[in-house]
Amino acid sequence: MHELAITESVIDAISEQLSEMRVTVVHLEIGRLSGVLPDAVRFCFELAGEGTCVAGARLEITEPEGRGTCRACAGSFAARDPLAVCPCGSADVAITGGDGLRITGVEVARV
């Protein structure tokens, strides 16, 4: 399960910046074409967060849809698969959204 390693990396990145604070909420964006399973990240977050500044924090995940742009017709469309085919029939498509994972925000407790 690569989601455990990904979740640990997210927690490490947050801990590097906020190790002395108590994190209450972590906001992640996991694109639908990223290959990362949000439910698996949710499961791993609590376990991997024990003993860190994110222990007990709430995890909020948004899942933006995939987007593609056709190189043949220049059309933009919702992509449901990383190997998307444009509605015009062309497979010459660039994925332009929904394929990333990023920390979009972190909330900390007031002291």
C-alpha atoms as a PDB file:
ATOM      1  CA  MET A   1       0.000   0.000   0.000  1.00  0.00           C
ATOM      2  CA  HIS A   2       1.825   3.094  -1.208  1.00  0.00           C
ATOM      3  CA  GLU A   3      -0.728   5.286   0.557  1.00  0.00           C
ATOM      4  CA  LEU A   4       1.064   4.631   3.862  1.00  0.00           C
ATOM      5  CA  ALA A   5       4.337   6.034   2.478  1.00  0.00           C
ATOM      6  CA  ILE A   6       2.488   8.986   0.949  1.00  0.00           C
ATOM      7  CA  THR A   7       0.677   9.711   4.216  1.00  0.00           C
ATOM      8  CA  GLU A   8       3.944   9.500   6.153  1.00  0.00           C
ATOM      9  CA  SER A   9       5.503  11.979   3.698  1.00  0.00           C
ATOM     10  CA  VAL A  10       2.608  14.401   4.192  1.00  0.00           C
ATOM     11  CA  ILE A  11       2.952  14.144   7.971  1.00  0.00           C
ATOM     12  CA  ASP A  12       6.739  14.579   7.753  1.00  0.00           C
ATOM     13  CA  ALA A  13       6.329  17.725   5.628  1.00  0.00           C
ATOM     14  CA  ILE A  14       3.896  19.213   8.132  1.00  0.00           C
ATOM     15  CA  SER A  15       6.037  18.184  11.106  1.00  0.00           C
ATOM     16  CA  GLU A  16       9.129  19.849   9.617  1.00  0.00           C
ATOM     17  CA  GLN A  17       7.320  23.200   9.671  1.00  0.00           C
ATOM     18  CA  LEU A  18       5.036  22.867  12.685  1.00  0.00           C
ATOM     19  CA  SER A  19       6.624  20.370  15.071  1.00  0.00           C
ATOM     20  CA  GLU A  20       6.159  22.665  18.074  1.00  0.00           C
ATOM     21  CA  MET A  21       2.461  23.294  17.407  1.00  0.00           C
ATOM     22  CA  ARG A  22      -0.631  21.142  17.750  1.00  0.00           C
ATOM     23  CA  VAL A  23      -2.234  20.642  14.362  1.00  0.00           C
ATOM     24  CA  THR A  24      -6.038  20.390  14.484  1.00  0.00           C
ATOM     25  CA  VAL A  25      -6.957  20.043  10.795  1.00  0.00           C
ATOM     26  CA  VAL A  26      -5.043  18.994   7.684  1.00  0.00           C
ATOM     27  CA  HIS A  27      -6.537  19.824   4.278  1.00  0.00           C
ATOM     28  CA  LEU A  28      -5.424  17.637   1.377  1.00  0.00           C
ATOM     29  CA  GLU A  29      -6.321  17.703  -2.285  1.00  0.00           C
ATOM     30  CA  ILE A  30      -6.118  14.275  -3.909  1.00  0.00           C
ATOM     31  CA  GLY A  31      -6.963  14.342  -7.600  1.00  0.00           C
ATOM     32  CA  ARG A  32      -9.144  11.564  -8.958  1.00  0.00           C
ATOM     33  CA  LEU A  33      -6.443  10.703 -11.500  1.00  0.00           C
ATOM     34  CA  SER A  34      -3.595  10.704  -8.959  1.00  0.00           C
ATOM     35  CA  GLY A  35      -3.674   6.966  -8.334  1.00  0.00           C
ATOM     36  CA  VAL A  36      -3.953   7.615  -4.589  1.00  0.00           C
ATOM     37  CA  LEU A  37      -6.951   6.187  -2.724  1.00  0.00           C
ATOM     38  CA  PRO A  38      -8.395   8.808  -0.342  1.00  0.00           C
ATOM     39  CA  ASP A  39      -9.976   6.169   1.927  1.00  0.00           C
ATOM     40  CA  ALA A  40      -6.589   4.473   2.348  1.00  0.00           C
ATOM     41  CA  VAL A  41      -4.974   7.831   3.216  1.00  0.00           C
ATOM     42  CA  ARG A  42      -7.709   8.436   5.799  1.00  0.00           C
ATOM     43  CA  PHE A  43      -7.025   5.026   7.320  1.00  0.00           C
ATOM     44  CA  CYS A  44      -3.247   5.586   7.416  1.00  0.00           C
ATOM     45  CA  PHE A  45      -3.442   9.170   8.713  1.00  0.00           C
ATOM     46  CA  GLU A  46      -4.484   8.294  12.243  1.00  0.00           C
ATOM     47  CA  LEU A  47      -1.931   5.493  12.568  1.00  0.00           C
ATOM     48  CA  ALA A  48       0.987   7.378  11.016  1.00  0.00           C
ATOM     49  CA  GLY A  49       0.156  10.546  12.945  1.00  0.00           C
ATOM     50  CA  GLU A  50       0.550   8.992  16.404  1.00  0.00           C
ATOM     51  CA  GLY A  51       3.282  10.719  18.368  1.00  0.00           C
ATOM     52  CA  THR A  52       3.528  13.635  15.908  1.00  0.00           C
ATOM     53  CA  CYS A  53       2.126  17.161  15.826  1.00  0.00           C
ATOM     54  CA  VAL A  54      -0.845  15.894  13.780  1.00  0.00           C
ATOM     55  CA  ALA A  55      -1.933  13.314  16.381  1.00  0.00           C
ATOM     56  CA  GLY A  56      -5.693  13.696  16.829  1.00  0.00           C
ATOM     57  CA  ALA A  57      -6.021  16.117  13.899  1.00  0.00           C
ATOM     58  CA  ARG A  58      -8.967  15.927  11.538  1.00  0.00           C
ATOM     59  CA  LEU A  59      -8.162  15.128   7.909  1.00  0.00           C
ATOM     60  CA  GLU A  60     -10.250  16.835   5.227  1.00  0.00           C
ATOM     61  CA  ILE A  61      -9.802  15.662   1.648  1.00  0.00           C
ATOM     62  CA  THR A  62     -11.129  17.225  -1.542  1.00  0.00           C
ATOM     63  CA  GLU A  63     -11.068  15.204  -4.755  1.00  0.00           C
ATOM     64  CA  PRO A  64     -10.967  17.379  -7.874  1.00  0.00           C
ATOM     65  CA  GLU A  65     -12.068  15.705 -11.078  1.00  0.00           C
ATOM     66  CA  GLY A  66      -9.601  14.905 -13.801  1.00  0.00           C
ATOM     67  CA  ARG A  67      -9.260  17.315 -16.714  1.00  0.00           C
ATOM     68  CA  GLY A  68      -7.823  16.730 -20.133  1.00  0.00           C
ATOM     69  CA  THR A  69      -6.993  18.894 -23.129  1.00  0.00           C
ATOM     70  CA  CYS A  70      -6.996  17.404 -26.596  1.00  0.00           C
ATOM     71  CA  ARG A  71      -3.984  18.217 -28.735  1.00  0.00           C
ATOM     72  CA  ALA A  72      -5.970  17.448 -31.897  1.00  0.00           C
ATOM     73  CA  CYS A  73      -9.039  19.641 -31.416  1.00  0.00           C
ATOM     74  CA  ALA A  74      -7.862  21.815 -28.448  1.00  0.00           C
ATOM     75  CA  GLY A  75     -11.006  20.864 -26.511  1.00  0.00           C
ATOM     76  CA  SER A  76     -10.999  20.608 -22.734  1.00  0.00           C
ATOM     77  CA  PHE A  77     -13.041  17.896 -21.040  1.00  0.00           C
ATOM     78  CA  ALA A  78     -13.567  15.924 -17.826  1.00  0.00           C
ATOM     79  CA  ALA A  79     -11.199  12.938 -17.821  1.00  0.00           C
ATOM     80  CA  ARG A  80     -12.181   9.853 -15.867  1.00  0.00           C
ATOM     81  CA  ASP A  81      -9.018   7.899 -16.641  1.00  0.00           C
ATOM     82  CA  PRO A  82      -5.317   8.827 -16.988  1.00  0.00           C
ATOM     83  CA  LEU A  83      -5.444   7.256 -20.476  1.00  0.00           C
ATOM     84  CA  ALA A  84      -8.256   9.538 -21.542  1.00  0.00           C
ATOM     85  CA  VAL A  85      -9.781   9.777 -24.991  1.00  0.00           C
ATOM     86  CA  CYS A  86     -11.241  13.091 -26.130  1.00  0.00           C
ATOM     87  CA  PRO A  87     -14.915  13.186 -27.111  1.00  0.00           C
ATOM     88  CA  CYS A  88     -13.648  13.913 -30.660  1.00  0.00           C
ATOM     89  CA  GLY A  89     -12.068  10.438 -30.619  1.00  0.00           C
ATOM     90  CA  SER A  90      -8.424  11.453 -30.338  1.00  0.00           C
ATOM     91  CA  ALA A  91      -6.168   9.788 -27.774  1.00  0.00           C
ATOM     92  CA  ASP A  92      -3.611  12.605 -28.097  1.00  0.00           C
ATOM     93  CA  VAL A  93      -4.602  14.095 -24.763  1.00  0.00           C
ATOM     94  CA  ALA A  94      -2.696  15.996 -22.085  1.00  0.00           C
ATOM     95  CA  ILE A  95      -3.960  15.543 -18.530  1.00  0.00           C
ATOM     96  CA  THR A  96      -4.268  19.075 -17.168  1.00  0.00           C
ATOM     97  CA  GLY A  97      -5.852  18.563 -13.758  1.00  0.00           C
ATOM     98  CA  GLY A  98      -6.917  16.153 -11.103  1.00  0.00           C
ATOM     99  CA  ASP A  99      -3.700  14.151 -11.133  1.00  0.00           C
ATOM    100  CA  GLY A 100      -1.921  15.649  -8.136  1.00  0.00           C
ATOM    101  CA  LEU A 101      -1.761  15.439  -4.379  1.00  0.00           C
ATOM    102  CA  ARG A 102      -1.043  18.514  -2.307  1.00  0.00           C
ATOM    103  CA  ILE A 103      -1.438  19.937   1.148  1.00  0.00           C
ATOM    104  CA  THR A 104      -3.800  22.865   0.719  1.00  0.00           C
ATOM    105  CA  GLY A 105      -3.917  23.980   4.329  1.00  0.00           C
ATOM    106  CA  VAL A 106      -3.128  23.221   7.931  1.00  0.00           C
ATOM    107  CA  GLU A 107      -4.940  24.580  10.965  1.00  0.00           C
ATOM    108  CA  VAL A 108      -3.278  24.753  14.372  1.00  0.00           C
ATOM    109  CA  ALA A 109      -4.608  25.222  17.897  1.00  0.00           C
ATOM    110  CA  ARG A 110      -4.382  28.647  19.447  1.00  0.00           C
ATOM    111  CA  VAL A 111      -1.972  28.860  22.354  1.00  0.00           C
END
